[in-house]
Amino acid sequence: MLQIPQNHIHTRSTPFWNKETAPAGIFERHLDKGTRPGVYPRLSVMQGAVKYLGYADEYCSEPEEIMVINAGEFGVFPPEKWHNIEVMTDDTYFNIDFLSRRKC
């Protein structure tokens, strides 16, 4: 599993979402808009499961990385990586934290 570098700190969090309340764009292939380079997303699942699909670029038809994150687990995604997520169960409940390099 990808690890967040030790010199990174928590900078912000999303609200807790389910499949109805999450922004629709999160389920489509995207780069994180408004996120500075080098910021690591960490998705935490409270209930259900989420599938992360990471792509080499915006055009590749097949993901090069697939990760299933179950309730009580979290997944760390690489910065600046094309990706989307899929909610695996109707009761899935999750949020995303963002961690960036500590400023000296």
C-alpha atoms as a PDB file:
ATOM      1  CA  MET A   1       0.000   0.000   0.000  1.00  0.00           C
ATOM      2  CA  LEU A   2       1.180   3.509  -0.820  1.00  0.00           C
ATOM      3  CA  GLN A   3       2.348   5.410   2.262  1.00  0.00           C
ATOM      4  CA  ILE A   4       2.067   9.121   2.923  1.00  0.00           C
ATOM      5  CA  PRO A   5       5.521  10.672   3.459  1.00  0.00           C
ATOM      6  CA  GLN A   6       6.298  11.533   7.089  1.00  0.00           C
ATOM      7  CA  ASN A   7       6.739  15.229   6.299  1.00  0.00           C
ATOM      8  CA  HIS A   8       3.071  15.557   5.240  1.00  0.00           C
ATOM      9  CA  ILE A   9       0.256  16.868   7.431  1.00  0.00           C
ATOM     10  CA  HIS A  10      -3.545  16.786   7.295  1.00  0.00           C
ATOM     11  CA  THR A  11      -4.864  19.900   5.532  1.00  0.00           C
ATOM     12  CA  ARG A  12      -8.573  19.289   4.908  1.00  0.00           C
ATOM     13  CA  SER A  13     -11.388  16.740   4.863  1.00  0.00           C
ATOM     14  CA  THR A  14     -14.573  16.237   2.913  1.00  0.00           C
ATOM     15  CA  PRO A  15     -17.882  15.680   4.675  1.00  0.00           C
ATOM     16  CA  PHE A  16     -18.982  12.079   5.117  1.00  0.00           C
ATOM     17  CA  TRP A  17     -20.749  10.969   1.936  1.00  0.00           C
ATOM     18  CA  ASN A  18     -22.900   8.135   0.669  1.00  0.00           C
ATOM     19  CA  LYS A  19     -23.741   7.365  -2.968  1.00  0.00           C
ATOM     20  CA  GLU A  20     -26.511   9.992  -3.006  1.00  0.00           C
ATOM     21  CA  THR A  21     -24.623  12.826  -1.288  1.00  0.00           C
ATOM     22  CA  ALA A  22     -21.174  12.475  -2.896  1.00  0.00           C
ATOM     23  CA  PRO A  23     -20.482  14.813  -5.825  1.00  0.00           C
ATOM     24  CA  ALA A  24     -21.248  13.007  -9.089  1.00  0.00           C
ATOM     25  CA  GLY A  25     -17.801  13.830 -10.501  1.00  0.00           C
ATOM     26  CA  ILE A  26     -16.083  11.601  -7.950  1.00  0.00           C
ATOM     27  CA  PHE A  27     -17.582   8.569  -9.713  1.00  0.00           C
ATOM     28  CA  GLU A  28     -16.172   9.673 -13.107  1.00  0.00           C
ATOM     29  CA  ARG A  29     -12.510   9.540 -14.120  1.00  0.00           C
ATOM     30  CA  HIS A  30     -10.829  12.733 -12.926  1.00  0.00           C
ATOM     31  CA  LEU A  31      -7.822  14.449 -11.434  1.00  0.00           C
ATOM     32  CA  ASP A  32      -8.503  16.130  -8.099  1.00  0.00           C
ATOM     33  CA  LYS A  33      -9.414  19.702  -9.064  1.00  0.00           C
ATOM     34  CA  GLY A  34      -8.226  22.466  -6.794  1.00  0.00           C
ATOM     35  CA  THR A  35      -5.680  20.197  -5.136  1.00  0.00           C
ATOM     36  CA  ARG A  36      -2.053  21.313  -5.190  1.00  0.00           C
ATOM     37  CA  PRO A  37       0.613  19.024  -6.653  1.00  0.00           C
ATOM     38  CA  GLY A  38       1.962  16.514  -4.139  1.00  0.00           C
ATOM     39  CA  VAL A  39      -1.255  16.258  -2.101  1.00  0.00           C
ATOM     40  CA  TYR A  40      -2.183  12.713  -1.081  1.00  0.00           C
ATOM     41  CA  PRO A  41      -5.894  11.772  -0.852  1.00  0.00           C
ATOM     42  CA  ARG A  42      -6.757   9.215   1.867  1.00  0.00           C
ATOM     43  CA  LEU A  43     -10.223   7.659   1.540  1.00  0.00           C
ATOM     44  CA  SER A  44     -11.703   6.186   4.738  1.00  0.00           C
ATOM     45  CA  VAL A  45     -14.712   3.855   4.628  1.00  0.00           C
ATOM     46  CA  MET A  46     -16.967   3.802   7.689  1.00  0.00           C
ATOM     47  CA  GLN A  47     -19.549   1.386   6.290  1.00  0.00           C
ATOM     48  CA  GLY A  48     -19.759  -0.727   3.131  1.00  0.00           C
ATOM     49  CA  ALA A  49     -16.916  -0.661   0.601  1.00  0.00           C
ATOM     50  CA  VAL A  50     -15.404   1.563  -2.097  1.00  0.00           C
ATOM     51  CA  LYS A  51     -13.422   0.486  -5.173  1.00  0.00           C
ATOM     52  CA  TYR A  52     -10.630   2.804  -6.355  1.00  0.00           C
ATOM     53  CA  LEU A  53      -9.576   2.591 -10.009  1.00  0.00           C
ATOM     54  CA  GLY A  54      -6.325   4.352 -10.974  1.00  0.00           C
ATOM     55  CA  TYR A  55      -5.463   5.027 -14.628  1.00  0.00           C
ATOM     56  CA  ALA A  56      -2.190   5.863 -16.399  1.00  0.00           C
ATOM     57  CA  ASP A  57      -3.875   8.846 -18.080  1.00  0.00           C
ATOM     58  CA  GLU A  58      -7.270  10.201 -19.076  1.00  0.00           C
ATOM     59  CA  TYR A  59      -7.470   7.988 -22.196  1.00  0.00           C
ATOM     60  CA  CYS A  60      -6.532   4.467 -21.033  1.00  0.00           C
ATOM     61  CA  SER A  61      -9.531   2.166 -21.100  1.00  0.00           C
ATOM     62  CA  GLU A  62      -8.279  -0.203 -18.387  1.00  0.00           C
ATOM     63  CA  PRO A  63      -7.175   0.781 -14.882  1.00  0.00           C
ATOM     64  CA  GLU A  64      -3.586   0.021 -13.939  1.00  0.00           C
ATOM     65  CA  GLU A  65      -4.481  -0.129 -10.252  1.00  0.00           C
ATOM     66  CA  ILE A  66      -7.602  -1.399  -8.471  1.00  0.00           C
ATOM     67  CA  MET A  67      -8.039  -1.198  -4.718  1.00  0.00           C
ATOM     68  CA  VAL A  68     -11.077  -2.262  -2.665  1.00  0.00           C
ATOM     69  CA  ILE A  69     -11.403  -0.392   0.626  1.00  0.00           C
ATOM     70  CA  ASN A  70     -13.725  -2.054   3.142  1.00  0.00           C
ATOM     71  CA  ALA A  71     -15.428  -0.670   6.257  1.00  0.00           C
ATOM     72  CA  GLY A  72     -12.863   0.246   8.889  1.00  0.00           C
ATOM     73  CA  GLU A  73     -10.070   0.593   6.320  1.00  0.00           C
ATOM     74  CA  PHE A  74      -8.535   3.445   4.373  1.00  0.00           C
ATOM     75  CA  GLY A  75      -6.735   3.715   1.059  1.00  0.00           C
ATOM     76  CA  VAL A  76      -4.063   6.217   0.045  1.00  0.00           C
ATOM     77  CA  PHE A  77      -4.012   7.354  -3.569  1.00  0.00           C
ATOM     78  CA  PRO A  78      -1.028   8.775  -5.471  1.00  0.00           C
ATOM     79  CA  PRO A  79      -1.036  12.529  -6.098  1.00  0.00           C
ATOM     80  CA  GLU A  80      -1.920  13.741  -9.603  1.00  0.00           C
ATOM     81  CA  LYS A  81      -3.272  10.375 -10.758  1.00  0.00           C
ATOM     82  CA  TRP A  82      -6.323   9.913 -12.979  1.00  0.00           C
ATOM     83  CA  HIS A  83      -8.874   7.889 -11.035  1.00  0.00           C
ATOM     84  CA  ASN A  84     -12.478   7.278 -10.113  1.00  0.00           C
ATOM     85  CA  ILE A  85     -14.233   5.403  -7.354  1.00  0.00           C
ATOM     86  CA  GLU A  86     -17.208   3.056  -7.239  1.00  0.00           C
ATOM     87  CA  VAL A  87     -19.465   2.498  -4.242  1.00  0.00           C
ATOM     88  CA  MET A  88     -19.700  -1.271  -3.731  1.00  0.00           C
ATOM     89  CA  THR A  89     -22.802  -1.422  -1.479  1.00  0.00           C
ATOM     90  CA  ASP A  90     -25.944   0.668  -1.057  1.00  0.00           C
ATOM     91  CA  ASP A  91     -25.052   1.508   2.555  1.00  0.00           C
ATOM     92  CA  THR A  92     -21.485   2.714   1.867  1.00  0.00           C
ATOM     93  CA  TYR A  93     -20.439   5.762   3.894  1.00  0.00           C
ATOM     94  CA  PHE A  94     -16.997   7.389   3.419  1.00  0.00           C
ATOM     95  CA  ASN A  95     -14.915  10.550   3.450  1.00  0.00           C
ATOM     96  CA  ILE A  96     -11.619  11.788   2.035  1.00  0.00           C
ATOM     97  CA  ASP A  97      -8.760  13.494   3.882  1.00  0.00           C
ATOM     98  CA  PHE A  98      -6.032  15.418   2.067  1.00  0.00           C
ATOM     99  CA  LEU A  99      -2.443  15.510   3.289  1.00  0.00           C
ATOM    100  CA  SER A 100       0.279  17.808   1.976  1.00  0.00           C
ATOM    101  CA  ARG A 101       3.903  18.588   2.677  1.00  0.00           C
ATOM    102  CA  ARG A 102       4.479  20.520   5.889  1.00  0.00           C
ATOM    103  CA  LYS A 103       5.623  24.081   5.266  1.00  0.00           C
ATOM    104  CA  CYS A 104       8.769  25.069   7.162  1.00  0.00           C
END
